[in-house]
């Protein structure tokens, strides 16, 4: 599903959560296909309830270096997608600098663990606030610029396998990702008249700092039945997928080769949801 080399030349992509992991991989891959990049990342912890190590300003600087190494321009900024003025200003500045906006990869997200009735308000509010409300703010800021430009475009919402299949132990995360599925499908209908396609991707077991084996093992030790809801990948029984493998799908959805595809949920899971 990889795009043709240079297939996005002349276009501009806005990528959130771009400092590392999937976000960085998507930004670099789109740059390799010819797109200039607008990049946003919090570069700090979203909450004390998020226990894995957050991205840093140095991580975002490395994304800048890698995009520029592909010969493309990038406007990168540290900021919180939960903060509406921050997101709107970056979109406005990006459009002013690059002249257009064609692609959005709404990738920023956080993960936490706990049974639904044992979650604190902060755990719930953080995950829903970043994953669902923050993505809505991202899209709300970007869509008017894309409509006004009149070039059509592609919105790619990074959901999760947990947005297609219930996962015990992180119900707040699953709720946020199912919400993104509904948001995607609604926008696909609303934006069809403008030639803007909207699809969600649903990765599973990607090798990023968000995956906390110790936290998962703690949950499974307390609740052994939960493990059966996390299937192996038929095509890859051991280990995790690389973020770059997901970027192949992102590049395809961003380009003209996926011009007939909208309102779709695309698992990127090597068959896990079929297991």
Protein backbone atom coordinates (compact mmCIF):
# COMPACT_ATOMS: atom_id res chain seq x y z
CA UNK A 1 0.00 0.00 0.00
CA UNK A 2 2.97 2.30 -0.08
CA UNK A 3 2.67 5.52 -2.04
CA UNK A 4 4.77 6.25 -5.11
CA UNK A 5 7.96 8.18 -4.49
CA UNK A 6 7.07 11.86 -4.73
CA UNK A 7 3.34 11.13 -5.03
CA UNK A 8 2.52 13.90 -2.52
CA UNK A 9 4.82 16.55 -3.94
CA UNK A 10 3.38 20.03 -3.52
CA UNK A 11 1.06 19.03 -0.69
CA UNK A 12 1.14 19.88 3.00
CA UNK A 13 0.41 17.51 5.89
CA UNK A 14 -0.43 18.31 9.52
CA UNK A 15 0.69 15.56 11.91
CA UNK A 16 -0.04 15.55 15.65
CA UNK A 17 1.98 13.60 18.18
CA UNK A 18 4.86 14.02 15.76
CA UNK A 19 7.84 13.98 18.13
CA UNK A 20 8.40 10.24 18.10
CA UNK A 21 6.95 6.79 17.43
CA UNK A 22 4.03 6.64 14.97
CA UNK A 23 3.77 10.42 14.60
CA UNK A 24 7.41 10.79 13.63
CA UNK A 25 7.22 7.83 11.28
CA UNK A 26 4.16 9.27 9.55
CA UNK A 27 5.73 12.74 9.22
CA UNK A 28 8.95 11.36 7.75
CA UNK A 29 7.15 9.03 5.38
CA UNK A 30 4.86 11.78 4.07
CA UNK A 31 7.91 14.01 3.63
CA UNK A 32 9.59 11.24 1.65
CA UNK A 33 6.54 11.26 -0.62
CA UNK A 34 7.04 14.99 -1.17
CA UNK A 35 4.83 16.70 1.41
CA UNK A 36 5.87 19.60 3.61
CA UNK A 37 4.96 19.04 7.25
CA UNK A 38 3.22 20.90 10.04
CA UNK A 39 4.05 19.08 13.27
CA UNK A 40 2.65 19.34 16.78
CA UNK A 41 3.53 17.46 19.96
CA UNK A 42 3.02 18.14 23.65
CA UNK A 43 6.66 17.22 24.40
CA UNK A 44 5.70 16.71 28.04
CA UNK A 45 3.46 14.49 30.13
CA UNK A 46 -0.27 14.89 29.57
CA UNK A 47 -0.97 13.94 33.19
CA UNK A 48 0.57 12.29 36.21
CA UNK A 49 -1.77 9.38 35.49
CA UNK A 50 0.13 8.60 32.26
CA UNK A 51 2.98 6.46 33.50
CA UNK A 52 5.20 5.96 30.44
CA UNK A 53 7.98 8.40 29.55
CA UNK A 54 6.68 11.33 27.48
CA UNK A 55 8.18 12.77 24.34
CA UNK A 56 10.61 15.65 24.75
CA UNK A 57 11.54 18.81 22.82
CA UNK A 58 14.66 16.95 21.71
CA UNK A 59 12.46 14.25 20.19
CA UNK A 60 10.58 16.88 18.19
CA UNK A 61 13.88 18.39 17.06
CA UNK A 62 14.90 14.98 15.75
CA UNK A 63 11.67 14.76 13.76
CA UNK A 64 12.53 18.15 12.25
CA UNK A 65 15.99 16.88 11.31
CA UNK A 66 14.61 13.73 9.70
CA UNK A 67 11.97 15.58 7.68
CA UNK A 68 14.53 18.10 6.46
CA UNK A 69 16.83 15.22 5.55
CA UNK A 70 14.10 14.13 3.13
CA UNK A 71 14.42 17.53 1.46
CA UNK A 72 11.13 18.91 2.76
CA UNK A 73 10.19 21.90 4.92
CA UNK A 74 8.64 21.57 8.36
CA UNK A 75 6.96 23.89 10.86
CA UNK A 76 7.17 22.16 14.24
CA UNK A 77 5.81 23.38 17.54
CA UNK A 78 5.35 22.06 21.07
CA UNK A 79 1.75 22.35 22.19
CA UNK A 80 -1.29 20.56 23.58
CA UNK A 81 -4.05 19.45 21.22
CA UNK A 82 -6.46 20.00 24.12
CA UNK A 83 -5.74 23.73 23.88
CA UNK A 84 -7.85 25.18 21.09
CA UNK A 85 -5.93 28.46 20.54
CA UNK A 86 -2.65 26.54 20.23
CA UNK A 87 -4.01 24.21 17.56
CA UNK A 88 -5.77 26.97 15.61
CA UNK A 89 -2.68 29.19 15.64
CA UNK A 90 -0.42 26.43 14.36
CA UNK A 91 -2.81 25.61 11.52
CA UNK A 92 -3.05 29.31 10.60
CA UNK A 93 0.72 29.73 10.71
CA UNK A 94 1.25 26.57 8.67
CA UNK A 95 -1.18 27.63 5.97
CA UNK A 96 0.43 31.07 5.87
CA UNK A 97 3.91 29.56 5.52
CA UNK A 98 3.14 26.76 3.07
CA UNK A 99 0.10 28.18 1.30
CA UNK A 100 -2.23 25.20 1.72
CA UNK A 101 -3.24 22.18 3.79
CA UNK A 102 -4.07 18.85 2.16
CA UNK A 103 -3.54 16.07 4.70
CA UNK A 104 -4.19 15.70 8.41
CA UNK A 105 -2.89 12.76 10.41
CA UNK A 106 -4.64 13.03 13.78
CA UNK A 107 -2.24 10.77 15.62
CA UNK A 108 -1.68 12.22 19.10
CA UNK A 109 -2.98 10.01 21.89
CA UNK A 110 -2.34 8.59 25.34
CA UNK A 111 -3.00 5.25 27.01
CA UNK A 112 -3.72 4.24 30.59
CA UNK A 113 -4.79 1.15 32.50
CA UNK A 114 -7.49 0.32 35.02
CA UNK A 115 -10.94 -1.24 35.25
CA UNK A 116 -13.71 1.19 34.32
CA UNK A 117 -15.25 1.62 37.75
CA UNK A 118 -11.85 2.03 39.38
CA UNK A 119 -10.63 4.86 37.14
CA UNK A 120 -10.11 8.27 38.69
CA UNK A 121 -11.62 11.40 37.19
CA UNK A 122 -8.15 12.46 36.06
CA UNK A 123 -7.48 9.14 34.33
CA UNK A 124 -10.76 9.36 32.43
CA UNK A 125 -10.51 13.06 31.62
CA UNK A 126 -6.93 12.79 30.39
CA UNK A 127 -7.52 9.94 27.95
CA UNK A 128 -10.85 11.24 26.67
CA UNK A 129 -9.51 14.80 26.59
CA UNK A 130 -6.44 13.98 24.52
CA UNK A 131 -7.65 11.12 22.34
CA UNK A 132 -11.19 12.21 21.52
CA UNK A 133 -11.64 15.90 22.34
CA UNK A 134 -8.10 16.77 21.26
CA UNK A 135 -8.58 15.00 17.94
CA UNK A 136 -11.87 16.85 17.44
CA UNK A 137 -10.09 20.15 18.11
CA UNK A 138 -7.39 19.18 15.61
CA UNK A 139 -9.92 18.42 12.90
CA UNK A 140 -12.06 21.43 13.72
CA UNK A 141 -9.06 23.71 13.26
CA UNK A 142 -7.89 22.11 10.02
CA UNK A 143 -11.08 21.47 8.08
CA UNK A 144 -12.06 25.10 7.30
CA UNK A 145 -8.64 25.75 5.77
CA UNK A 146 -8.98 22.67 3.58
CA UNK A 147 -12.49 23.60 2.46
CA UNK A 148 -11.45 27.16 1.67
CA UNK A 149 -8.48 25.98 -0.40
CA UNK A 150 -10.78 23.84 -2.53
CA UNK A 151 -8.19 21.12 -3.16
CA UNK A 152 -10.02 18.27 -1.46
CA UNK A 153 -7.70 16.29 0.79
CA UNK A 154 -7.40 13.40 3.19
CA UNK A 155 -8.05 13.23 6.93
CA UNK A 156 -6.51 10.17 8.58
CA UNK A 157 -7.66 9.52 12.13
CA UNK A 158 -5.41 7.22 14.12
CA UNK A 159 -7.73 5.12 16.22
CA UNK A 160 -6.74 1.65 17.48
CA UNK A 161 -7.79 -1.96 17.38
CA UNK A 162 -9.44 -0.91 20.66
CA UNK A 163 -11.70 1.28 18.52
CA UNK A 164 -13.12 -1.83 16.85
CA UNK A 165 -12.94 -4.42 19.63
CA UNK A 166 -13.46 -4.03 23.36
CA UNK A 167 -10.29 -4.33 25.44
CA UNK A 168 -10.65 -4.91 29.19
CA UNK A 169 -8.37 -2.98 31.51
CA UNK A 170 -8.43 0.22 29.44
CA UNK A 171 -12.09 1.00 28.86
CA UNK A 172 -11.48 4.75 28.83
CA UNK A 173 -8.95 4.29 26.01
CA UNK A 174 -11.33 2.03 24.12
CA UNK A 175 -14.19 4.50 24.60
CA UNK A 176 -12.06 7.28 23.14
CA UNK A 177 -11.02 5.19 20.16
CA UNK A 178 -14.57 3.99 19.44
CA UNK A 179 -15.54 7.66 19.57
CA UNK A 180 -12.97 8.39 16.88
CA UNK A 181 -14.58 5.74 14.68
CA UNK A 182 -17.94 7.52 14.91
CA UNK A 183 -16.30 10.90 14.33
CA UNK A 184 -14.56 9.56 11.23
CA UNK A 185 -17.71 8.15 9.69
CA UNK A 186 -19.74 11.30 10.37
CA UNK A 187 -17.07 13.53 8.85
CA UNK A 188 -16.78 11.31 5.78
CA UNK A 189 -20.43 12.08 5.02
CA UNK A 190 -20.23 15.76 5.93
CA UNK A 191 -17.06 16.43 3.92
CA UNK A 192 -17.85 14.39 0.83
CA UNK A 193 -19.19 17.40 -1.06
CA UNK A 194 -15.80 19.10 -0.64
CA UNK A 195 -13.79 16.18 -1.97
CA UNK A 196 -12.22 15.58 1.44
CA UNK A 197 -11.84 11.91 2.35
CA UNK A 198 -11.92 10.77 5.99
CA UNK A 199 -10.73 7.36 7.17
CA UNK A 200 -9.59 5.82 10.42
CA UNK A 201 -6.77 3.36 10.89
CA UNK A 202 -6.69 0.85 13.71
CA UNK A 203 -3.16 -0.27 14.63
CA UNK A 204 -2.44 -3.10 17.06
CA UNK A 205 0.70 -3.85 19.06
CA UNK A 206 2.99 -1.18 17.63
CA UNK A 207 6.48 -0.91 19.12
CA UNK A 208 6.26 2.50 20.83
CA UNK A 209 6.82 3.83 24.37
CA UNK A 210 3.04 3.69 24.86
CA UNK A 211 3.30 -0.09 25.12
CA UNK A 212 4.12 -0.84 28.76
CA UNK A 213 4.73 -4.59 29.15
CA UNK A 214 5.07 -4.26 32.92
CA UNK A 215 1.73 -2.47 33.29
CA UNK A 216 0.03 -4.97 31.02
CA UNK A 217 1.48 -7.91 32.91
CA UNK A 218 0.30 -6.40 36.19
CA UNK A 219 -3.25 -6.14 34.85
CA UNK A 220 -3.14 -9.69 33.45
CA UNK A 221 -1.75 -11.05 36.71
CA UNK A 222 -4.65 -9.55 38.63
CA UNK A 223 -7.23 -10.48 36.01
CA UNK A 224 -6.01 -13.50 33.99
CA UNK A 225 -9.17 -13.68 31.88
CA UNK A 226 -8.32 -10.32 30.29
CA UNK A 227 -5.41 -11.78 28.34
CA UNK A 228 -7.78 -13.64 26.01
CA UNK A 229 -9.01 -10.30 24.64
CA UNK A 230 -5.53 -9.47 23.32
CA UNK A 231 -4.95 -11.91 20.44
CA UNK A 232 -1.66 -12.70 18.71
CA UNK A 233 -1.12 -11.52 15.15
CA UNK A 234 -1.51 -14.50 12.79
CA UNK A 235 1.17 -13.06 10.49
CA UNK A 236 3.55 -12.16 13.33
CA UNK A 237 3.17 -14.19 16.51
CA UNK A 238 6.14 -12.76 18.34
CA UNK A 239 7.14 -9.14 18.79
CA UNK A 240 5.46 -5.89 17.83
CA UNK A 241 4.95 -4.12 14.53
CA UNK A 242 7.17 -1.19 13.61
CA UNK A 243 5.64 2.27 13.37
CA UNK A 244 6.95 2.51 9.81
CA UNK A 245 4.67 -0.36 8.80
CA UNK A 246 1.68 1.76 9.80
CA UNK A 247 3.11 4.69 7.83
CA UNK A 248 2.81 2.66 4.63
CA UNK A 249 -0.96 2.69 5.11
CA UNK A 250 -0.99 6.38 6.05
CA UNK A 251 0.93 7.29 2.88
CA UNK A 252 -1.52 5.32 0.77
CA UNK A 253 -4.57 6.95 2.36
CA UNK A 254 -3.00 10.38 1.93
CA UNK A 255 -2.45 9.92 -1.80
CA UNK A 256 -4.54 9.76 -4.93
CA UNK A 257 -4.38 5.98 -5.05
CA UNK A 258 -6.95 5.90 -2.24
CA UNK A 259 -9.13 8.48 -3.97
CA UNK A 260 -12.25 6.27 -3.79
CA UNK A 261 -11.77 5.33 -0.13
CA UNK A 262 -13.63 7.27 2.55
CA UNK A 263 -15.58 6.48 5.69
CA UNK A 264 -13.57 3.30 6.20
CA UNK A 265 -12.05 1.64 9.25
CA UNK A 266 -8.79 0.00 8.23
CA UNK A 267 -7.22 -2.46 10.70
CA UNK A 268 -3.42 -2.37 10.68
CA UNK A 269 -3.02 -5.48 12.77
CA UNK A 270 -1.62 -8.32 10.64
CA UNK A 271 -4.88 -10.20 11.08
CA UNK A 272 -5.19 -9.98 14.87
CA UNK A 273 -8.88 -9.01 14.83
CA UNK A 274 -9.62 -12.11 12.77
CA UNK A 275 -7.98 -14.42 15.32
